Amino acid sequence: MSVPDIPSLEGLPDYDVTWPWSSGERLAPGLTCVFRVKNEARNLPWVLPPILAAVQHVLLVDNGSDDGTLDVARKIAADCGATERFTGLSYPHRVARAGGEHLATPATSVHSLTHFYNWCFSQVRTTYSMKWDGDMVLTPEGTGILRDLSWQLESTQTIVAMPRHPLTVVDESTGWLDLSLRFLEPWVYPMGPDFTFVKAFDWELREFPAATERLVLQQGLCVEVKWLEADEYAHWRKDGVDFTNTRLYRKLREFEVDEAIRSGRAEELGGLVRVDAPPGVHIIDHVTRTWLRQQPRPLVKHSLPASLRERAPRTGAPS
């Protein structure tokens, strides 16, 4: 039996990290999209089909969902005729949240974000991998660009960043799109020993050599779906979470957007655009398939709210 590259602190061999190149395994050309998800069954009918059309393989790792996420994903893959290009796995260990909880968790523990990410990406068997979230929906243009990149990147060592635009779904016909901030987290990386994950203060970070080329895709290719009715920021109000002086500027912006929409002040908050779908068309479909495509490029840039103006970095922070 080969020695793992990163043994789990808890001594669980099924969750040790062994990279394919350590055993001399040759990676196949192409791009694998890696999802790390929990309770994303609601979003997957919008999220998965365009990704399955864009990449050579999809790897979805379910982290303790109780809404049937993995079963929904498998059915969507089958409906898209992509069963052979889909792999669904389970990671049953509770993973520390970003911030102080992450900082206090040893990097090789199965509960660490760092170990979780390394384990997930060690399952990839293509030359490129792409991190993707269970609430991010590609536009048709985004699908086409990723499909082309999957072979154009093959002879290079390039990381790719794609701006994403938060879309708060108020109801099936109404949404608010946030165009004020450009979240430029890199999503696509080559696979290899120079591109693995290490522990940082608040979250995991993927390493890459300083000379690596960087490609930034255009705006309007991806939206990040937020459901207003889900009230995912309720605990922030209840617990009085203060993100004002942290590096998580993106979370503060999301919280401010959520508060503004709920209080009827969305039009007063710079950067928000209300979008209304035509009858019979879901707002997510309308924004991704029609509205964004019809907007002039670059997308309209609005000034940042004063609360963010001084601390927004030049590139987005990891999620």
C-alpha atoms as a PDB file:
ATOM      1  CA  MET A   1       0.000   0.000   0.000  1.00  0.00           C
ATOM      2  CA  SER A   2       1.378   3.409  -0.969  1.00  0.00           C
ATOM      3  CA  VAL A   3       2.052   6.058   1.671  1.00  0.00           C
ATOM      4  CA  PRO A   4      -0.425   8.961   1.453  1.00  0.00           C
ATOM      5  CA  ASP A   5       0.842  12.448   0.710  1.00  0.00           C
ATOM      6  CA  ILE A   6      -1.223  13.944   3.548  1.00  0.00           C
ATOM      7  CA  PRO A   7      -2.367  11.440   6.191  1.00  0.00           C
ATOM      8  CA  SER A   8      -5.469  12.597   8.054  1.00  0.00           C
ATOM      9  CA  LEU A   9      -4.775  13.630  11.631  1.00  0.00           C
ATOM     10  CA  GLU A  10      -7.510  11.282  12.823  1.00  0.00           C
ATOM     11  CA  GLY A  11      -5.951   8.265  11.120  1.00  0.00           C
ATOM     12  CA  LEU A  12      -8.840   7.675   8.697  1.00  0.00           C
ATOM     13  CA  PRO A  13      -7.287   6.084   5.583  1.00  0.00           C
ATOM     14  CA  ASP A  14     -10.346   6.727   3.398  1.00  0.00           C
ATOM     15  CA  TYR A  15      -9.792  10.438   3.959  1.00  0.00           C
ATOM     16  CA  ASP A  16      -6.036  10.585   3.541  1.00  0.00           C
ATOM     17  CA  VAL A  17      -4.900  12.706   0.604  1.00  0.00           C
ATOM     18  CA  THR A  18      -2.986  10.924  -2.158  1.00  0.00           C
ATOM     19  CA  TRP A  19      -2.231  12.906  -5.305  1.00  0.00           C
ATOM     20  CA  PRO A  20      -2.357  11.007  -8.606  1.00  0.00           C
ATOM     21  CA  TRP A  21       1.116  12.146  -9.664  1.00  0.00           C
ATOM     22  CA  SER A  22       2.618  10.581  -6.525  1.00  0.00           C
ATOM     23  CA  SER A  23       1.790   7.142  -7.888  1.00  0.00           C
ATOM     24  CA  GLY A  24       2.833   8.018 -11.431  1.00  0.00           C
ATOM     25  CA  GLU A  25      -0.756   8.222 -12.685  1.00  0.00           C
ATOM     26  CA  ARG A  26      -1.076  10.186 -15.915  1.00  0.00           C
ATOM     27  CA  LEU A  27      -3.801  12.816 -15.953  1.00  0.00           C
ATOM     28  CA  ALA A  28      -6.157  12.948 -18.923  1.00  0.00           C
ATOM     29  CA  PRO A  29      -6.523  16.168 -20.943  1.00  0.00           C
ATOM     30  CA  GLY A  30      -9.483  18.275 -19.918  1.00  0.00           C
ATOM     31  CA  LEU A  31     -11.179  20.219 -17.141  1.00  0.00           C
ATOM     32  CA  THR A  32     -12.939  18.775 -14.081  1.00  0.00           C
ATOM     33  CA  CYS A  33     -15.375  20.966 -12.158  1.00  0.00           C
ATOM     34  CA  VAL A  34     -15.251  20.282  -8.416  1.00  0.00           C
ATOM     35  CA  PHE A  35     -18.266  21.101  -6.248  1.00  0.00           C
ATOM     36  CA  ARG A  36     -18.096  21.014  -2.437  1.00  0.00           C
ATOM     37  CA  VAL A  37     -21.725  21.333  -1.427  1.00  0.00           C
ATOM     38  CA  LYS A  38     -24.211  21.068   1.404  1.00  0.00           C
ATOM     39  CA  ASN A  39     -27.979  21.390   0.916  1.00  0.00           C
ATOM     40  CA  GLU A  40     -27.883  22.786  -2.615  1.00  0.00           C
ATOM     41  CA  ALA A  41     -30.672  20.644  -4.104  1.00  0.00           C
ATOM     42  CA  ARG A  42     -32.752  23.741  -4.825  1.00  0.00           C
ATOM     43  CA  ASN A  43     -30.028  25.397  -6.900  1.00  0.00           C
ATOM     44  CA  LEU A  44     -28.679  22.402  -8.807  1.00  0.00           C
ATOM     45  CA  PRO A  45     -31.318  22.369 -11.596  1.00  0.00           C
ATOM     46  CA  TRP A  46     -29.922  25.766 -12.662  1.00  0.00           C
ATOM     47  CA  VAL A  47     -26.293  25.173 -11.701  1.00  0.00           C
ATOM     48  CA  LEU A  48     -25.431  21.705 -13.021  1.00  0.00           C
ATOM     49  CA  PRO A  49     -26.677  21.560 -16.655  1.00  0.00           C
ATOM     50  CA  PRO A  50     -24.542  24.447 -17.972  1.00  0.00           C
ATOM     51  CA  ILE A  51     -21.486  23.125 -16.132  1.00  0.00           C
ATOM     52  CA  LEU A  52     -22.008  19.628 -17.503  1.00  0.00           C
ATOM     53  CA  ALA A  53     -22.134  21.179 -20.981  1.00  0.00           C
ATOM     54  CA  ALA A  54     -18.910  23.115 -20.367  1.00  0.00           C
ATOM     55  CA  VAL A  55     -16.402  20.654 -18.872  1.00  0.00           C
ATOM     56  CA  GLN A  56     -15.160  17.119 -19.388  1.00  0.00           C
ATOM     57  CA  HIS A  57     -16.041  15.885 -15.900  1.00  0.00           C
ATOM     58  CA  VAL A  58     -17.982  16.998 -12.820  1.00  0.00           C
ATOM     59  CA  LEU A  59     -17.010  15.871  -9.330  1.00  0.00           C
ATOM     60  CA  LEU A  60     -19.569  16.700  -6.646  1.00  0.00           C
ATOM     61  CA  VAL A  61     -18.628  16.132  -3.003  1.00  0.00           C
ATOM     62  CA  ASP A  62     -21.578  16.265  -0.626  1.00  0.00           C
ATOM     63  CA  ASN A  63     -20.770  17.372   2.923  1.00  0.00           C
ATOM     64  CA  GLY A  64     -23.667  16.164   5.040  1.00  0.00           C
ATOM     65  CA  SER A  65     -26.728  17.377   3.133  1.00  0.00           C
ATOM     66  CA  ASP A  66     -30.179  16.473   4.390  1.00  0.00           C
ATOM     67  CA  ASP A  67     -32.118  17.686   1.325  1.00  0.00           C
ATOM     68  CA  GLY A  68     -31.116  14.941  -1.115  1.00  0.00           C
ATOM     69  CA  THR A  69     -28.441  17.036  -2.844  1.00  0.00           C
ATOM     70  CA  LEU A  70     -26.441  14.049  -4.102  1.00  0.00           C
ATOM     71  CA  ASP A  71     -29.504  12.212  -5.445  1.00  0.00           C
ATOM     72  CA  VAL A  72     -30.693  15.364  -7.223  1.00  0.00           C
ATOM     73  CA  ALA A  73     -27.250  15.839  -8.768  1.00  0.00           C
ATOM     74  CA  ARG A  74     -27.138  12.267 -10.051  1.00  0.00           C
ATOM     75  CA  LYS A  75     -30.600  12.591 -11.597  1.00  0.00           C
ATOM     76  CA  ILE A  76     -29.671  15.853 -13.341  1.00  0.00           C
ATOM     77  CA  ALA A  77     -26.516  14.270 -14.726  1.00  0.00           C
ATOM     78  CA  ALA A  78     -28.555  11.338 -16.026  1.00  0.00           C
ATOM     79  CA  ASP A  79     -31.157  13.654 -17.564  1.00  0.00           C
ATOM     80  CA  CYS A  80     -28.327  15.533 -19.319  1.00  0.00           C
ATOM     81  CA  GLY A  81     -26.897  12.286 -20.681  1.00  0.00           C
ATOM     82  CA  ALA A  82     -23.755  12.855 -18.603  1.00  0.00           C
ATOM     83  CA  THR A  83     -23.787   9.973 -16.129  1.00  0.00           C
ATOM     84  CA  GLU A  84     -20.388   8.781 -17.373  1.00  0.00           C
ATOM     85  CA  ARG A  85     -18.937  12.246 -16.800  1.00  0.00           C
ATOM     86  CA  PHE A  86     -20.285  12.707 -13.273  1.00  0.00           C
ATOM     87  CA  THR A  87     -18.840  11.448  -9.993  1.00  0.00           C
ATOM     88  CA  GLY A  88     -20.713  11.910  -6.705  1.00  0.00           C
ATOM     89  CA  LEU A  89     -18.916  11.402  -3.397  1.00  0.00           C
ATOM     90  CA  SER A  90     -19.729  11.954   0.275  1.00  0.00           C
ATOM     91  CA  TYR A  91     -17.514  13.629   2.857  1.00  0.00           C
ATOM     92  CA  PRO A  92     -19.252  12.980   6.197  1.00  0.00           C
ATOM     93  CA  HIS A  93     -17.065  15.085   8.478  1.00  0.00           C
ATOM     94  CA  ARG A  94     -18.118  18.492   9.801  1.00  0.00           C
ATOM     95  CA  VAL A  95     -15.827  21.109   8.254  1.00  0.00           C
ATOM     96  CA  ALA A  96     -14.708  24.137  10.279  1.00  0.00           C
ATOM     97  CA  ARG A  97     -16.183  27.453   9.185  1.00  0.00           C
ATOM     98  CA  ALA A  98     -14.002  30.200   7.736  1.00  0.00           C
ATOM     99  CA  GLY A  99     -12.478  32.531  10.301  1.00  0.00           C
ATOM    100  CA  GLY A 100     -11.512  31.699  13.860  1.00  0.00           C
ATOM    101  CA  GLU A 101     -12.930  28.181  13.741  1.00  0.00           C
ATOM    102  CA  HIS A 102     -10.784  27.401  10.714  1.00  0.00           C
ATOM    103  CA  LEU A 103      -7.723  28.952  12.329  1.00  0.00           C
ATOM    104  CA  ALA A 104      -8.091  26.746  15.403  1.00  0.00           C
ATOM    105  CA  THR A 105      -8.363  23.510  13.380  1.00  0.00           C
ATOM    106  CA  PRO A 106      -5.134  21.675  12.415  1.00  0.00           C
ATOM    107  CA  ALA A 107      -4.537  21.707   8.657  1.00  0.00           C
ATOM    108  CA  THR A 108      -4.418  17.902   8.361  1.00  0.00           C
ATOM    109  CA  SER A 109      -7.599  17.248  10.329  1.00  0.00           C
ATOM    110  CA  VAL A 110     -10.576  15.907   8.395  1.00  0.00           C
ATOM    111  CA  HIS A 111     -12.440  18.884   9.889  1.00  0.00           C
ATOM    112  CA  SER A 112     -10.102  21.417   8.278  1.00  0.00           C
ATOM    113  CA  LEU A 113     -11.073  23.394   5.182  1.00  0.00           C
ATOM    114  CA  THR A 114      -7.543  22.823   3.932  1.00  0.00           C
ATOM    115  CA  HIS A 115      -7.693  19.042   4.239  1.00  0.00           C
ATOM    116  CA  PHE A 116     -11.246  18.941   2.861  1.00  0.00           C
ATOM    117  CA  TYR A 117     -10.215  20.838  -0.272  1.00  0.00           C
ATOM    118  CA  ASN A 118      -7.053  18.802  -0.797  1.00  0.00           C
ATOM    119  CA  TRP A 119      -9.050  15.574  -0.427  1.00  0.00           C
ATOM    120  CA  CYS A 120     -11.686  16.740  -2.912  1.00  0.00           C
ATOM    121  CA  PHE A 121      -9.182  17.852  -5.531  1.00  0.00           C
ATOM    122  CA  SER A 122      -7.052  14.730  -5.094  1.00  0.00           C
ATOM    123  CA  GLN A 123      -9.942  12.862  -6.755  1.00  0.00           C
ATOM    124  CA  VAL A 124      -9.474  14.823 -10.008  1.00  0.00           C
ATOM    125  CA  ARG A 125      -8.027  12.905 -12.953  1.00  0.00           C
ATOM    126  CA  THR A 126      -7.752  15.646 -15.584  1.00  0.00           C
ATOM    127  CA  THR A 127      -4.952  18.146 -16.193  1.00  0.00           C
ATOM    128  CA  TYR A 128      -7.071  21.114 -15.089  1.00  0.00           C
ATOM    129  CA  SER A 129      -9.564  21.521 -12.265  1.00  0.00           C
ATOM    130  CA  MET A 130     -12.148  24.160 -11.481  1.00  0.00           C
ATOM    131  CA  LYS A 131     -13.560  25.051  -8.095  1.00  0.00           C
ATOM    132  CA  TRP A 132     -17.277  25.858  -8.332  1.00  0.00           C
ATOM    133  CA  ASP A 133     -19.999  26.615  -5.801  1.00  0.00           C
ATOM    134  CA  GLY A 134     -23.474  25.108  -5.626  1.00  0.00           C
ATOM    135  CA  ASP A 135     -25.174  28.481  -6.049  1.00  0.00           C
ATOM    136  CA  MET A 136     -23.297  29.739  -9.131  1.00  0.00           C
ATOM    137  CA  VAL A 137     -25.122  29.696 -12.476  1.00  0.00           C
ATOM    138  CA  LEU A 138     -23.334  30.062 -15.807  1.00  0.00           C
ATOM    139  CA  THR A 139     -24.851  31.975 -18.685  1.00  0.00           C
ATOM    140  CA  PRO A 140     -24.861  30.277 -22.110  1.00  0.00           C
ATOM    141  CA  GLU A 141     -21.910  32.513 -23.058  1.00  0.00           C
ATOM    142  CA  GLY A 142     -20.081  31.369 -19.940  1.00  0.00           C
ATOM    143  CA  THR A 143     -20.670  27.750 -20.874  1.00  0.00           C
ATOM    144  CA  GLY A 144     -19.242  28.288 -24.344  1.00  0.00           C
ATOM    145  CA  ILE A 145     -16.158  30.093 -23.072  1.00  0.00           C
ATOM    146  CA  LEU A 146     -15.355  27.407 -20.491  1.00  0.00           C
ATOM    147  CA  ARG A 147     -15.878  24.689 -23.100  1.00  0.00           C
ATOM    148  CA  ASP A 148     -13.329  26.380 -25.368  1.00  0.00           C
ATOM    149  CA  LEU A 149     -10.892  26.988 -22.512  1.00  0.00           C
ATOM    150  CA  SER A 150     -10.891  23.321 -21.585  1.00  0.00           C
ATOM    151  CA  TRP A 151      -8.698  22.583 -24.599  1.00  0.00           C
ATOM    152  CA  GLN A 152      -7.056  25.982 -25.153  1.00  0.00           C
ATOM    153  CA  LEU A 153      -5.390  25.851 -21.728  1.00  0.00           C
ATOM    154  CA  GLU A 154      -3.943  22.392 -22.265  1.00  0.00           C
ATOM    155  CA  SER A 155      -0.452  23.470 -23.328  1.00  0.00           C
ATOM    156  CA  THR A 156      -0.221  26.267 -20.730  1.00  0.00           C
ATOM    157  CA  GLN A 157       0.052  26.763 -16.987  1.00  0.00           C
ATOM    158  CA  THR A 158      -2.705  29.323 -16.435  1.00  0.00           C
ATOM    159  CA  ILE A 159      -5.115  30.196 -13.659  1.00  0.00           C
ATOM    160  CA  VAL A 160      -8.462  31.680 -14.665  1.00  0.00           C
ATOM    161  CA  ALA A 161     -10.628  34.148 -12.757  1.00  0.00           C
ATOM    162  CA  MET A 162     -14.254  34.853 -13.617  1.00  0.00           C
ATOM    163  CA  PRO A 163     -16.288  37.753 -12.178  1.00  0.00           C
ATOM    164  CA  ARG A 164     -19.579  36.668 -10.630  1.00  0.00           C
ATOM    165  CA  HIS A 165     -22.539  38.856  -9.850  1.00  0.00           C
ATOM    166  CA  PRO A 166     -24.741  38.181  -6.786  1.00  0.00           C
ATOM    167  CA  LEU A 167     -28.423  37.792  -7.681  1.00  0.00           C
ATOM    168  CA  THR A 168     -30.893  38.014  -4.801  1.00  0.00           C
ATOM    169  CA  VAL A 169     -34.120  36.209  -5.745  1.00  0.00           C
ATOM    170  CA  VAL A 170     -37.108  37.958  -4.165  1.00  0.00           C
ATOM    171  CA  ASP A 171     -39.669  35.758  -5.906  1.00  0.00           C
ATOM    172  CA  GLU A 172     -39.953  33.846  -9.193  1.00  0.00           C
ATOM    173  CA  SER A 173     -40.310  37.078 -11.165  1.00  0.00           C
ATOM    174  CA  THR A 174     -38.146  39.585  -9.296  1.00  0.00           C
ATOM    175  CA  GLY A 175     -34.479  39.828  -8.412  1.00  0.00           C
ATOM    176  CA  TRP A 176     -31.796  42.338  -7.467  1.00  0.00           C
ATOM    177  CA  LEU A 177     -28.445  42.045  -9.231  1.00  0.00           C
ATOM    178  CA  ASP A 178     -25.387  43.522  -7.519  1.00  0.00           C
ATOM    179  CA  LEU A 179     -23.032  45.010 -10.109  1.00  0.00           C
ATOM    180  CA  SER A 180     -20.980  47.147  -7.736  1.00  0.00           C
ATOM    181  CA  LEU A 181     -18.241  44.698  -6.788  1.00  0.00           C
ATOM    182  CA  ARG A 182     -16.120  42.445  -8.976  1.00  0.00           C
ATOM    183  CA  PHE A 183     -15.354  39.231  -7.117  1.00  0.00           C
ATOM    184  CA  LEU A 184     -12.291  37.974  -8.967  1.00  0.00           C
ATOM    185  CA  GLU A 185     -11.442  34.798  -7.130  1.00  0.00           C
ATOM    186  CA  PRO A 186      -9.519  32.415  -9.420  1.00  0.00           C
ATOM    187  CA  TRP A 187     -11.568  29.314 -10.264  1.00  0.00           C
ATOM    188  CA  VAL A 188      -9.554  27.302 -12.793  1.00  0.00           C
ATOM    189  CA  TYR A 189      -6.091  25.898 -11.993  1.00  0.00           C
ATOM    190  CA  PRO A 190      -3.689  23.364 -13.481  1.00  0.00           C
ATOM    191  CA  MET A 191      -3.366  20.144 -11.501  1.00  0.00           C
ATOM    192  CA  GLY A 192       0.073  19.427 -10.066  1.00  0.00           C
ATOM    193  CA  PRO A 193       2.222  19.559  -6.941  1.00  0.00           C
ATOM    194  CA  ASP A 194       2.627  23.344  -7.249  1.00  0.00           C
ATOM    195  CA  PHE A 195      -1.143  23.915  -7.147  1.00  0.00           C
ATOM    196  CA  THR A 196      -2.356  22.395  -3.865  1.00  0.00           C
ATOM    197  CA  PHE A 197      -4.112  23.975  -0.879  1.00  0.00           C
ATOM    198  CA  VAL A 198      -2.494  25.417   2.237  1.00  0.00           C
ATOM    199  CA  LYS A 199      -3.921  26.893   5.410  1.00  0.00           C
ATOM    200  CA  ALA A 200      -4.303  30.671   5.689  1.00  0.00           C
ATOM    201  CA  PHE A 201      -5.744  32.717   8.554  1.00  0.00           C
ATOM    202  CA  ASP A 202      -9.407  32.771   7.542  1.00  0.00           C
ATOM    203  CA  TRP A 203      -9.739  30.074   4.886  1.00  0.00           C
ATOM    204  CA  GLU A 204      -7.812  27.737   2.605  1.00  0.00           C
ATOM    205  CA  LEU A 205      -5.630  29.124  -0.190  1.00  0.00           C
ATOM    206  CA  ARG A 206      -4.480  27.405  -3.334  1.00  0.00           C
ATOM    207  CA  GLU A 207      -0.775  27.819  -4.008  1.00  0.00           C
ATOM    208  CA  PHE A 208       0.640  28.589  -7.428  1.00  0.00           C
ATOM    209  CA  PRO A 209       4.086  29.605  -8.724  1.00  0.00           C
ATOM    210  CA  ALA A 210       4.736  33.335  -9.062  1.00  0.00           C
ATOM    211  CA  ALA A 211       5.317  33.010 -12.818  1.00  0.00           C
ATOM    212  CA  THR A 212       1.916  31.405 -13.474  1.00  0.00           C
ATOM    213  CA  GLU A 213      -0.109  33.189 -16.148  1.00  0.00           C
ATOM    214  CA  ARG A 214      -3.435  34.694 -15.062  1.00  0.00           C
ATOM    215  CA  LEU A 215      -6.469  35.074 -17.313  1.00  0.00           C
ATOM    216  CA  VAL A 216      -9.444  37.214 -16.264  1.00  0.00           C
ATOM    217  CA  LEU A 217     -12.690  36.515 -18.112  1.00  0.00           C
ATOM    218  CA  GLN A 218     -15.223  39.198 -18.946  1.00  0.00           C
ATOM    219  CA  GLN A 219     -18.187  40.229 -16.847  1.00  0.00           C
ATOM    220  CA  GLY A 220     -21.665  38.821 -17.206  1.00  0.00           C
ATOM    221  CA  LEU A 221     -20.837  35.110 -17.430  1.00  0.00           C
ATOM    222  CA  CYS A 222     -21.967  33.938 -13.991  1.00  0.00           C
ATOM    223  CA  VAL A 223     -24.410  34.861 -11.228  1.00  0.00           C
ATOM    224  CA  GLU A 224     -24.345  33.786  -7.591  1.00  0.00           C
ATOM    225  CA  VAL A 225     -27.882  33.019  -6.415  1.00  0.00           C
ATOM    226  CA  LYS A 226     -29.172  34.198  -3.029  1.00  0.00           C
ATOM    227  CA  TRP A 227     -32.732  33.363  -1.977  1.00  0.00           C
ATOM    228  CA  LEU A 228     -34.293  36.154   0.094  1.00  0.00           C
ATOM    229  CA  GLU A 229     -36.827  33.809   1.686  1.00  0.00           C
ATOM    230  CA  ALA A 230     -34.051  31.570   2.976  1.00  0.00           C
ATOM    231  CA  ASP A 231     -32.799  34.431   5.198  1.00  0.00           C
ATOM    232  CA  GLU A 232     -29.271  33.058   5.353  1.00  0.00           C
ATOM    233  CA  TYR A 233     -28.135  36.134   7.278  1.00  0.00           C
ATOM    234  CA  ALA A 234     -30.623  35.744  10.121  1.00  0.00           C
ATOM    235  CA  HIS A 235     -27.918  34.624  12.545  1.00  0.00           C
ATOM    236  CA  TRP A 236     -25.904  37.741  11.743  1.00  0.00           C
ATOM    237  CA  ARG A 237     -28.757  39.925  13.000  1.00  0.00           C
ATOM    238  CA  LYS A 238     -29.465  37.644  15.950  1.00  0.00           C
ATOM    239  CA  ASP A 239     -25.846  37.287  17.052  1.00  0.00           C
ATOM    240  CA  GLY A 240     -24.817  40.845  16.202  1.00  0.00           C
ATOM    241  CA  VAL A 241     -21.975  39.739  13.927  1.00  0.00           C
ATOM    242  CA  ASP A 242     -19.708  42.676  13.060  1.00  0.00           C
ATOM    243  CA  PHE A 243     -17.655  42.273   9.888  1.00  0.00           C
ATOM    244  CA  THR A 244     -16.693  45.951   9.691  1.00  0.00           C
ATOM    245  CA  ASN A 245     -13.026  45.494  10.525  1.00  0.00           C
ATOM    246  CA  THR A 246     -12.397  42.064   9.023  1.00  0.00           C
ATOM    247  CA  ARG A 247     -11.020  40.854   5.706  1.00  0.00           C
ATOM    248  CA  LEU A 248     -14.456  39.471   4.839  1.00  0.00           C
ATOM    249  CA  TYR A 249     -15.564  42.647   3.051  1.00  0.00           C
ATOM    250  CA  ARG A 250     -17.640  40.572   0.629  1.00  0.00           C
ATOM    251  CA  LYS A 251     -19.749  39.157   3.447  1.00  0.00           C
ATOM    252  CA  LEU A 252     -20.385  42.630   4.779  1.00  0.00           C
ATOM    253  CA  ARG A 253     -21.564  43.752   1.350  1.00  0.00           C
ATOM    254  CA  GLU A 254     -23.883  40.747   1.041  1.00  0.00           C
ATOM    255  CA  PHE A 255     -25.332  41.480   4.464  1.00  0.00           C
ATOM    256  CA  GLU A 256     -25.895  45.147   3.580  1.00  0.00           C
ATOM    257  CA  VAL A 257     -27.615  44.157   0.325  1.00  0.00           C
ATOM    258  CA  ASP A 258     -29.874  41.688   2.143  1.00  0.00           C
ATOM    259  CA  GLU A 259     -30.795  44.297   4.759  1.00  0.00           C
ATOM    260  CA  ALA A 260     -31.486  46.945   2.132  1.00  0.00           C
ATOM    261  CA  ILE A 261     -33.821  44.701   0.125  1.00  0.00           C
ATOM    262  CA  ARG A 262     -35.719  43.591   3.231  1.00  0.00           C
ATOM    263  CA  SER A 263     -36.208  47.163   4.438  1.00  0.00           C
ATOM    264  CA  GLY A 264     -37.279  48.494   1.034  1.00  0.00           C
ATOM    265  CA  ARG A 265     -34.104  50.557   0.607  1.00  0.00           C
ATOM    266  CA  ALA A 266     -32.515  48.605  -2.242  1.00  0.00           C
ATOM    267  CA  GLU A 267     -32.759  51.532  -4.667  1.00  0.00           C
ATOM    268  CA  GLU A 268     -30.789  53.685  -2.223  1.00  0.00           C
ATOM    269  CA  LEU A 269     -27.864  51.269  -2.073  1.00  0.00           C
ATOM    270  CA  GLY A 270     -25.404  51.916  -4.877  1.00  0.00           C
ATOM    271  CA  GLY A 271     -24.757  49.094  -7.289  1.00  0.00           C
ATOM    272  CA  LEU A 272     -28.088  47.252  -7.106  1.00  0.00           C
ATOM    273  CA  VAL A 273     -30.218  46.796 -10.204  1.00  0.00           C
ATOM    274  CA  ARG A 274     -33.762  45.476 -10.051  1.00  0.00           C
ATOM    275  CA  VAL A 275     -34.615  42.961 -12.767  1.00  0.00           C
ATOM    276  CA  ASP A 276     -38.162  41.776 -13.538  1.00  0.00           C
ATOM    277  CA  ALA A 277     -38.757  38.641 -15.568  1.00  0.00           C
ATOM    278  CA  PRO A 278     -41.554  38.390 -18.153  1.00  0.00           C
ATOM    279  CA  PRO A 279     -44.595  36.254 -17.265  1.00  0.00           C
ATOM    280  CA  GLY A 280     -43.863  32.537 -17.151  1.00  0.00           C
ATOM    281  CA  VAL A 281     -40.060  32.938 -17.022  1.00  0.00           C
ATOM    282  CA  HIS A 282     -38.140  32.383 -13.800  1.00  0.00           C
ATOM    283  CA  ILE A 283     -35.961  35.295 -12.762  1.00  0.00           C
ATOM    284  CA  ILE A 284     -32.794  33.133 -12.732  1.00  0.00           C
ATOM    285  CA  ASP A 285     -33.458  32.010 -16.307  1.00  0.00           C
ATOM    286  CA  HIS A 286     -34.264  35.549 -17.420  1.00  0.00           C
ATOM    287  CA  VAL A 287     -31.113  37.082 -15.916  1.00  0.00           C
ATOM    288  CA  THR A 288     -28.718  34.386 -17.135  1.00  0.00           C
ATOM    289  CA  ARG A 289     -30.193  33.695 -20.568  1.00  0.00           C
ATOM    290  CA  THR A 290     -31.555  37.079 -21.636  1.00  0.00           C
ATOM    291  CA  TRP A 291     -30.958  40.125 -19.439  1.00  0.00           C
ATOM    292  CA  LEU A 292     -27.171  39.869 -19.030  1.00  0.00           C
ATOM    293  CA  ARG A 293     -26.683  39.073 -22.703  1.00  0.00           C
ATOM    294  CA  GLN A 294     -28.542  42.237 -23.707  1.00  0.00           C
ATOM    295  CA  GLN A 295     -26.519  44.602 -21.510  1.00  0.00           C
ATOM    296  CA  PRO A 296     -23.694  46.655 -23.038  1.00  0.00           C
ATOM    297  CA  ARG A 297     -20.169  45.766 -21.974  1.00  0.00           C
ATOM    298  CA  PRO A 298     -18.606  46.562 -19.650  1.00  0.00           C
ATOM    299  CA  LEU A 299     -21.573  46.215 -17.343  1.00  0.00           C
ATOM    300  CA  VAL A 300     -22.610  49.478 -15.694  1.00  0.00           C
ATOM    301  CA  LYS A 301     -20.321  50.224 -12.777  1.00  0.00           C
ATOM    302  CA  HIS A 302     -21.844  51.940  -9.771  1.00  0.00           C
ATOM    303  CA  SER A 303     -19.941  53.687  -7.022  1.00  0.00           C
ATOM    304  CA  LEU A 304     -19.333  51.730  -3.848  1.00  0.00           C
ATOM    305  CA  PRO A 305     -21.246  52.572  -0.691  1.00  0.00           C
ATOM    306  CA  ALA A 306     -19.193  54.728   1.685  1.00  0.00           C
ATOM    307  CA  SER A 307     -19.037  51.838   4.176  1.00  0.00           C
ATOM    308  CA  LEU A 308     -17.026  49.763   1.688  1.00  0.00           C
ATOM    309  CA  ARG A 309     -15.095  52.410  -0.207  1.00  0.00           C
ATOM    310  CA  GLU A 310     -12.004  52.347   1.995  1.00  0.00           C
ATOM    311  CA  ARG A 311     -11.569  48.641   2.469  1.00  0.00           C
ATOM    312  CA  ALA A 312     -12.560  46.903  -0.743  1.00  0.00           C
ATOM    313  CA  PRO A 313      -9.456  45.158  -2.151  1.00  0.00           C
ATOM    314  CA  ARG A 314      -8.566  45.177  -5.802  1.00  0.00           C
ATOM    315  CA  THR A 315      -9.474  41.531  -6.196  1.00  0.00           C
ATOM    316  CA  GLY A 316     -12.130  39.444  -4.493  1.00  0.00           C
ATOM    317  CA  ALA A 317     -11.454  37.348  -1.418  1.00  0.00           C
ATOM    318  CA  PRO A 318     -12.092  33.596  -1.424  1.00  0.00           C
ATOM    319  CA  SER A 319     -15.482  32.370  -0.443  1.00  0.00           C
END
